[in-house]
Protein backbone atom coordinates (compact mmCIF):
# COMPACT_ATOMS: atom_id res chain seq x y z
CA MET A 1 26.63 56.10 -50.83
CA ILE A 2 30.33 56.14 -49.97
CA LYS A 3 31.16 57.96 -53.22
CA ALA A 4 28.56 60.60 -52.43
CA LEU A 5 29.98 61.14 -48.95
CA ALA A 6 33.49 61.35 -50.37
CA ALA A 7 32.35 63.95 -52.91
CA VAL A 8 30.73 66.05 -50.19
CA LEU A 9 33.86 65.81 -48.06
CA VAL A 10 36.03 66.99 -50.95
CA LEU A 11 33.73 69.98 -51.53
CA VAL A 12 33.74 70.90 -47.86
CA LEU A 13 37.52 70.66 -47.62
CA PHE A 14 37.99 72.62 -50.82
CA GLY A 15 35.78 75.39 -49.48
CA ALA A 16 37.64 75.45 -46.19
CA PHE A 17 41.03 75.85 -47.86
CA ALA A 18 40.01 78.09 -50.76
CA PRO A 19 42.06 81.29 -50.86
CA GLU A 20 40.38 84.35 -49.37
CA ALA A 21 41.37 86.36 -52.43
CA ALA A 22 38.77 84.71 -54.63
CA ALA A 23 35.96 86.38 -52.68
CA GLN A 24 37.08 89.95 -53.45
CA THR A 25 34.55 92.14 -55.28
CA ALA A 26 36.34 95.51 -55.29
CA CYS A 27 39.73 96.90 -56.22
CA SER A 28 40.28 97.90 -52.60
CA GLY A 29 39.80 94.31 -51.47
CA TRP A 30 42.43 93.08 -53.90
CA ASN A 31 44.73 95.89 -52.81
CA ALA A 32 44.42 94.76 -49.20
CA THR A 33 45.15 91.16 -50.26
CA CYS A 34 48.17 92.34 -52.23
CA LYS A 35 49.52 94.38 -49.30
CA GLY A 36 49.01 91.40 -47.01
CA ARG A 37 50.99 89.20 -49.35
CA CYS A 38 53.79 91.78 -49.33
CA LYS A 39 54.21 91.18 -45.60
CA ALA A 40 55.16 87.54 -46.21
CA PRO A 41 58.82 86.73 -45.49
CA ASN A 42 59.37 85.59 -49.08
CA ALA A 43 57.75 88.64 -50.73
CA PRO A 44 59.73 89.98 -53.69
CA ASP A 45 61.41 93.39 -53.67
CA GLY A 46 59.14 96.12 -54.98
CA CYS A 47 56.02 94.37 -53.80
CA SER A 48 54.45 97.53 -52.34
CA SER A 49 54.91 99.52 -55.54
CA TYR A 50 53.43 96.59 -57.49
CA CYS A 51 50.28 96.82 -55.35
CA ALA A 52 50.06 100.57 -55.94
CA ARG A 53 50.38 100.12 -59.73
CA GLN A 54 47.76 97.38 -59.72
CA MET A 55 45.38 99.52 -57.66
CA SER A 56 45.77 102.44 -60.04
CA ALA A 57 45.09 100.21 -63.05
CA CYS A 58 42.13 98.54 -61.32
CA LYS A 59 40.48 101.88 -60.56
CA LYS A 60 40.55 102.61 -64.31
CA SER A 61 39.65 99.20 -65.71
CA GLY A 62 37.81 97.36 -62.95
CA CYS A 63 40.21 94.43 -63.38
CA TRP A 64 42.93 93.09 -61.08
CA THR A 65 45.56 90.65 -62.32
CA GLU A 66 47.28 88.61 -59.64
CA GLY A 67 51.01 88.18 -59.84
CA ALA A 68 52.51 85.10 -61.47
CA ARG A 69 53.45 83.81 -58.02
CA TYR A 70 49.72 83.51 -57.28
CA GLY A 71 48.61 82.07 -60.62
CA GLY A 72 48.25 85.25 -62.67
CA ALA A 73 44.44 85.11 -62.66
CA LYS A 74 42.60 88.15 -63.98
CA HIS A 75 39.54 89.27 -62.00
CA CYS A 76 37.22 91.75 -63.68
CA ASN A 77 33.92 93.53 -63.09
CA LEU A 78 35.22 94.79 -59.75
CA LYS A 79 33.95 97.90 -57.98
CA LYS A 80 36.42 100.64 -58.77
CA SER A 81 36.85 101.66 -55.14
């Protein structure tokens, strides 16, 4: 019983702290996430142009690849909007 409750608690906490980026379904959503990350105090130089390049590529391919700083995950089958 205690193990089951602990497992549920872990799942609830994981869901509460999961990054908002994972829920994106369109290129425009990832672009907004990228632009938001560029506003962080530790954002690298050229961040805005990176977002623009990613958006252009996403509109063609339907895939968005996050920067290495955010794990480099590739998200595909996105709406090209």
